[in-house]
Amino acid sequence: MPGLPPPVADERQNLTEFLAFNQNAFFAVAYGLTDEQARSTPSVSALSIGGLIKHATGVQRSWAQRIVSAPEFPPPDPRPVEEQMQEYQDEHVMREHETLEALLDALRAQNAETLRALREADLDTPVPVPHDVPWFPKDVDHWSVRWVALHLIEELTRHAGHADIIRESIDRATMYELMAAYEEWPETDFLRRWRPTQPA
């Protein structure tokens, strides 16, 4: 993952490259963490890096389903609403039985599926707005695939920023040194790869 998305030739490539850049941020921010660290909540937030990785996976899954199903709604979820809400809440928490490696594998697979859906869809296809969701607008009947792509970029950018702060709270590691370590960038006088802190 380079430090910036590459130059683009058209709108679709612009959307997919910037989305891929933000997808990849979660692998760098998790680099070198133990399961216990990924599960920890060291800041004032109740979020953990593992929980944010789960949410980045889940939110992409939901919107990719909307892209693939457009212009229709995705098939309805037959489960009771209480069960659906429990799953949504669980999406933000890394449980004791979960491993960081497995969460990253799930994110990697969903990242690929989201990009595939975006590359194959007509950007102008209407994506219907469910009016029974409290935080969705009541006066808009549909978004476009283009809007969904921009929303996913916004969503992942926000949560990658959350993850940056949580990671710095864990071990003071910052994004560029983590990216340098994860991608094995050449070291310079002003940029060093992240290395684990040795115990005193």
Protein backbone atom coordinates (compact mmCIF):
# COMPACT_ATOMS: atom_id res chain seq x y z
CA MET A 1 0.00 0.00 0.00
CA PRO A 2 1.71 3.20 -1.09
CA GLY A 3 1.29 6.38 0.95
CA LEU A 4 -1.25 7.78 -1.51
CA PRO A 5 -3.70 6.30 -4.04
CA PRO A 6 -2.27 6.14 -7.60
CA PRO A 7 -3.18 8.54 -10.42
CA VAL A 8 -6.53 7.68 -12.01
CA ALA A 9 -7.88 7.79 -15.54
CA ASP A 10 -11.62 7.95 -14.92
CA GLU A 11 -14.34 8.22 -12.31
CA ARG A 12 -14.68 4.50 -11.62
CA GLN A 13 -10.96 4.06 -11.09
CA ASN A 14 -10.97 7.12 -8.82
CA LEU A 15 -13.70 5.59 -6.63
CA THR A 16 -12.16 2.12 -6.49
CA GLU A 17 -8.60 3.31 -5.82
CA PHE A 18 -9.60 5.63 -2.99
CA LEU A 19 -11.85 2.95 -1.52
CA ALA A 20 -9.03 0.37 -1.75
CA PHE A 21 -6.63 2.79 -0.07
CA ASN A 22 -8.95 3.15 2.92
CA GLN A 23 -9.66 -0.58 3.00
CA ASN A 24 -5.94 -1.25 3.29
CA ALA A 25 -5.45 1.21 6.16
CA PHE A 26 -6.87 -1.35 8.59
CA PHE A 27 -4.11 -3.86 7.80
CA ALA A 28 -1.40 -1.31 8.54
CA VAL A 29 -3.01 -0.05 11.74
CA ALA A 30 -3.32 -3.64 13.02
CA TYR A 31 0.25 -4.56 12.06
CA GLY A 32 2.18 -6.20 14.89
CA LEU A 33 -0.69 -6.34 17.38
CA THR A 34 -1.50 -9.32 19.54
CA ASP A 35 -5.09 -10.52 19.86
CA GLU A 36 -5.20 -9.00 23.33
CA GLN A 37 -4.04 -5.61 22.04
CA ALA A 38 -6.49 -5.72 19.14
CA ARG A 39 -9.28 -6.44 21.61
CA SER A 40 -8.27 -3.68 24.04
CA THR A 41 -10.06 -0.34 24.46
CA PRO A 42 -7.28 1.99 25.68
CA SER A 43 -8.95 5.29 24.82
CA VAL A 44 -12.11 6.96 26.09
CA SER A 45 -13.97 5.16 23.28
CA ALA A 46 -15.48 1.70 23.76
CA LEU A 47 -14.12 0.76 20.33
CA SER A 48 -11.14 -1.50 19.72
CA ILE A 49 -9.10 -2.04 16.59
CA GLY A 50 -10.54 -5.55 16.30
CA GLY A 51 -14.06 -4.17 16.64
CA LEU A 52 -13.40 -1.55 13.98
CA ILE A 53 -12.08 -4.22 11.62
CA LYS A 54 -15.29 -6.22 12.18
CA HIS A 55 -17.38 -3.11 11.52
CA ALA A 56 -15.42 -2.24 8.36
CA THR A 57 -16.19 -5.75 7.13
CA GLY A 58 -19.86 -5.66 8.08
CA VAL A 59 -20.63 -2.20 6.73
CA GLN A 60 -19.05 -3.09 3.40
CA ARG A 61 -21.00 -6.35 3.25
CA SER A 62 -24.28 -4.51 3.75
CA TRP A 63 -23.62 -1.84 1.13
CA ALA A 64 -22.12 -4.28 -1.39
CA GLN A 65 -25.35 -6.29 -1.13
CA ARG A 66 -27.27 -3.11 -1.93
CA ILE A 67 -25.07 -2.48 -4.97
CA VAL A 68 -25.48 -6.02 -6.29
CA SER A 69 -29.26 -6.03 -5.71
CA ALA A 70 -29.91 -2.58 -7.19
CA PRO A 71 -32.26 -1.31 -8.46
CA GLU A 72 -34.15 -3.68 -6.12
CA PHE A 73 -33.73 -4.04 -2.39
CA PRO A 74 -31.55 -6.91 -1.11
CA PRO A 75 -33.54 -9.98 0.00
CA PRO A 76 -35.18 -9.29 3.39
CA ASP A 77 -33.56 -10.65 6.52
CA PRO A 78 -36.04 -13.21 7.93
CA ARG A 79 -34.61 -13.09 11.45
CA PRO A 80 -36.36 -11.27 14.34
CA VAL A 81 -35.31 -7.61 14.61
CA GLU A 82 -33.83 -8.28 18.07
CA GLU A 83 -31.46 -10.83 16.57
CA GLN A 84 -30.48 -8.44 13.80
CA MET A 85 -29.78 -5.65 16.30
CA GLN A 86 -27.68 -7.99 18.44
CA GLU A 87 -25.60 -8.88 15.41
CA TYR A 88 -25.15 -5.19 14.60
CA GLN A 89 -23.97 -4.45 18.15
CA ASP A 90 -21.66 -7.47 18.12
CA GLU A 91 -20.14 -6.17 14.88
CA HIS A 92 -18.35 -3.46 16.88
CA VAL A 93 -16.76 -5.76 19.49
CA MET A 94 -13.89 -8.25 19.19
CA ARG A 95 -14.98 -11.21 21.32
CA GLU A 96 -12.67 -13.38 23.40
CA HIS A 97 -12.89 -16.32 20.99
CA GLU A 98 -12.03 -14.19 17.94
CA THR A 99 -8.52 -13.74 16.56
CA LEU A 100 -7.07 -10.74 14.77
CA GLU A 101 -5.84 -12.99 11.95
CA ALA A 102 -9.35 -14.33 11.30
CA LEU A 103 -10.87 -10.84 11.41
CA LEU A 104 -8.31 -9.56 8.90
CA ASP A 105 -8.94 -12.56 6.62
CA ALA A 106 -12.67 -11.77 6.65
CA LEU A 107 -11.95 -8.11 5.90
CA ARG A 108 -9.61 -9.04 3.05
CA ALA A 109 -12.29 -11.22 1.45
CA GLN A 110 -14.98 -8.56 1.84
CA ASN A 111 -12.71 -5.85 0.48
CA ALA A 112 -12.30 -7.87 -2.72
CA GLU A 113 -16.06 -8.49 -2.99
CA THR A 114 -16.88 -4.80 -2.48
CA LEU A 115 -14.41 -3.71 -5.16
CA ARG A 116 -15.74 -6.38 -7.54
CA ALA A 117 -19.31 -5.16 -7.07
CA LEU A 118 -18.26 -1.57 -7.64
CA ARG A 119 -16.26 -2.38 -10.77
CA GLU A 120 -19.16 -4.30 -12.34
CA ALA A 121 -22.06 -1.96 -11.49
CA ASP A 122 -23.35 0.96 -13.51
CA LEU A 123 -22.54 3.99 -11.34
CA ASP A 124 -25.91 5.54 -12.18
CA THR A 125 -27.97 2.53 -11.06
CA PRO A 126 -30.49 3.64 -8.40
CA VAL A 127 -30.01 2.06 -4.98
CA PRO A 128 -33.34 2.20 -3.09
CA VAL A 129 -33.48 3.89 0.31
CA PRO A 130 -35.18 1.84 3.06
CA HIS A 131 -37.52 4.29 4.78
CA ASP A 132 -37.87 2.14 7.89
CA VAL A 133 -34.29 2.85 9.00
CA PRO A 134 -34.38 5.83 11.40
CA TRP A 135 -31.11 7.42 10.24
CA PHE A 136 -31.91 7.21 6.51
CA PRO A 137 -33.71 10.12 4.82
CA LYS A 138 -37.47 9.98 4.41
CA ASP A 139 -37.55 12.40 1.46
CA VAL A 140 -35.12 10.47 -0.78
CA ASP A 141 -36.24 7.34 -2.63
CA HIS A 142 -32.89 6.20 -3.97
CA TRP A 143 -29.18 6.85 -3.99
CA SER A 144 -26.89 5.86 -6.87
CA VAL A 145 -24.07 3.31 -6.89
CA ARG A 146 -21.78 6.34 -7.21
CA TRP A 147 -23.19 7.76 -3.95
CA VAL A 148 -22.74 4.39 -2.20
CA ALA A 149 -19.08 4.27 -3.26
CA LEU A 150 -18.48 7.75 -1.87
CA HIS A 151 -20.31 6.84 1.33
CA LEU A 152 -18.11 3.76 1.82
CA ILE A 153 -14.99 5.89 1.31
CA GLU A 154 -16.30 8.32 3.93
CA GLU A 155 -17.25 5.52 6.33
CA LEU A 156 -13.90 3.72 6.12
CA THR A 157 -11.94 6.97 6.33
CA ARG A 158 -13.72 7.91 9.55
CA HIS A 159 -13.11 4.52 11.14
CA ALA A 160 -9.49 4.31 9.98
CA GLY A 161 -8.98 7.59 11.83
CA HIS A 162 -10.60 6.08 14.91
CA ALA A 163 -8.24 3.13 14.60
CA ASP A 164 -5.20 5.43 14.30
CA ILE A 165 -6.00 7.04 17.64
CA ILE A 166 -6.65 3.71 19.35
CA ARG A 167 -3.38 2.26 18.00
CA GLU A 168 -1.41 5.26 19.22
CA SER A 169 -3.05 4.82 22.62
CA ILE A 170 -1.90 1.18 22.71
CA ASP A 171 1.80 1.59 21.91
CA ARG A 172 2.30 5.11 20.48
CA ALA A 173 2.67 3.72 16.95
CA THR A 174 1.61 6.12 14.19
CA MET A 175 0.29 5.45 10.72
CA TYR A 176 3.27 6.20 8.49
CA GLU A 177 5.72 4.10 10.52
CA LEU A 178 3.15 1.27 10.54
CA MET A 179 2.65 1.57 6.77
CA ALA A 180 6.43 1.59 6.32
CA ALA A 181 6.73 -1.61 8.35
CA TYR A 182 3.73 -3.35 6.79
CA GLU A 183 4.88 -2.54 3.24
CA GLU A 184 8.61 -2.70 3.99
CA TRP A 185 9.32 0.79 2.69
CA PRO A 186 12.98 1.83 2.57
CA GLU A 187 13.92 3.71 5.72
CA THR A 188 15.07 7.33 5.58
CA ASP A 189 16.39 9.85 8.06
CA PHE A 190 12.83 11.05 8.73
CA LEU A 191 10.81 7.83 8.37
CA ARG A 192 11.56 4.61 10.22
CA ARG A 193 9.62 1.38 10.17
CA TRP A 194 7.63 0.56 13.29
CA ARG A 195 9.27 -1.97 15.56
CA PRO A 196 7.90 -3.56 18.73
CA THR A 197 8.94 -1.79 21.91
CA GLN A 198 11.35 -3.94 23.82
CA PRO A 199 10.40 -4.58 27.45
CA ALA A 200 12.52 -2.69 29.97
